[in-house]
Amino acid sequence: MRKQTGKSILKWINEAVIAHAKFVLKTSNLSIMEVTDLLHFNDSSLFCRFFKRHTNRTPSEYRYQ
């Protein structure tokens, strides 16, 4: 896949997780903990760090922007 797209599988997966997280944050009233569970992260701090690393915003900042 990398040869055709220039992206690794991990990059594709991370992009899909971030896209899903963004959709859920903007279209639902689920808490950050519920979003964490929905996306199968072990804890909310791990999800928040992952989200911030990929978007430069916390999930709450993204939701309320």
Protein backbone atom coordinates (compact mmCIF):
# COMPACT_ATOMS: atom_id res chain seq x y z
CA MET A 1 0.00 0.00 0.00
CA ARG A 2 2.84 2.40 0.78
CA LYS A 3 4.13 2.10 -2.78
CA GLN A 4 0.82 3.29 -4.21
CA THR A 5 -0.09 5.96 -1.66
CA GLY A 6 3.09 6.93 0.15
CA LYS A 7 1.33 6.26 3.47
CA SER A 8 1.92 3.41 5.86
CA ILE A 9 -0.91 1.27 7.18
CA LEU A 10 -0.49 2.92 10.59
CA LYS A 11 -0.92 6.36 9.02
CA TRP A 12 -4.16 5.21 7.31
CA ILE A 13 -5.47 3.75 10.57
CA ASN A 14 -4.60 6.88 12.57
CA GLU A 15 -6.31 9.09 9.99
CA ALA A 16 -9.43 6.92 10.13
CA VAL A 17 -9.51 7.02 13.94
CA ILE A 18 -9.10 10.80 13.97
CA ALA A 19 -11.83 11.23 11.34
CA HIS A 20 -14.20 9.07 13.37
CA ALA A 21 -13.31 10.91 16.59
CA LYS A 22 -13.92 14.29 14.94
CA PHE A 23 -17.29 13.12 13.61
CA VAL A 24 -18.41 11.81 17.00
CA LEU A 25 -17.21 14.91 18.84
CA LYS A 26 -19.10 17.25 16.49
CA THR A 27 -22.30 15.22 16.08
CA SER A 28 -22.97 13.78 19.53
CA ASN A 29 -23.17 14.75 23.15
CA LEU A 30 -21.07 11.81 24.29
CA SER A 31 -18.56 12.61 27.00
CA ILE A 32 -14.85 12.37 26.26
CA MET A 33 -14.81 9.16 28.32
CA GLU A 34 -17.61 7.71 26.18
CA VAL A 35 -15.78 8.67 23.00
CA THR A 36 -12.66 7.06 24.46
CA ASP A 37 -14.58 3.83 25.02
CA LEU A 38 -16.25 3.98 21.61
CA LEU A 39 -12.85 4.21 19.92
CA HIS A 40 -11.39 1.41 22.08
CA PHE A 41 -8.71 3.46 23.85
CA ASN A 42 -7.66 2.17 27.28
CA ASP A 43 -8.13 5.51 29.01
CA SER A 44 -9.15 9.06 28.22
CA SER A 45 -5.70 10.57 28.80
CA LEU A 46 -4.27 8.27 26.11
CA PHE A 47 -7.06 9.26 23.71
CA CYS A 48 -6.57 12.97 24.47
CA ARG A 49 -2.81 12.77 23.86
CA PHE A 50 -3.37 10.84 20.60
CA PHE A 51 -5.99 13.35 19.44
CA LYS A 52 -3.83 16.37 20.30
CA ARG A 53 -0.77 14.86 18.60
CA HIS A 54 -2.73 14.51 15.36
CA THR A 55 -4.85 17.69 15.46
CA ASN A 56 -2.94 20.13 17.71
CA ARG A 57 -6.14 20.48 19.77
CA THR A 58 -7.63 18.62 22.67
CA PRO A 59 -10.92 16.82 21.99
CA SER A 60 -12.76 19.46 24.02
CA GLU A 61 -11.12 22.32 22.11
CA TYR A 62 -12.10 20.65 18.83
CA ARG A 63 -15.68 20.07 19.95
CA TYR A 64 -16.26 23.67 21.04
CA GLN A 65 -14.30 25.54 18.36
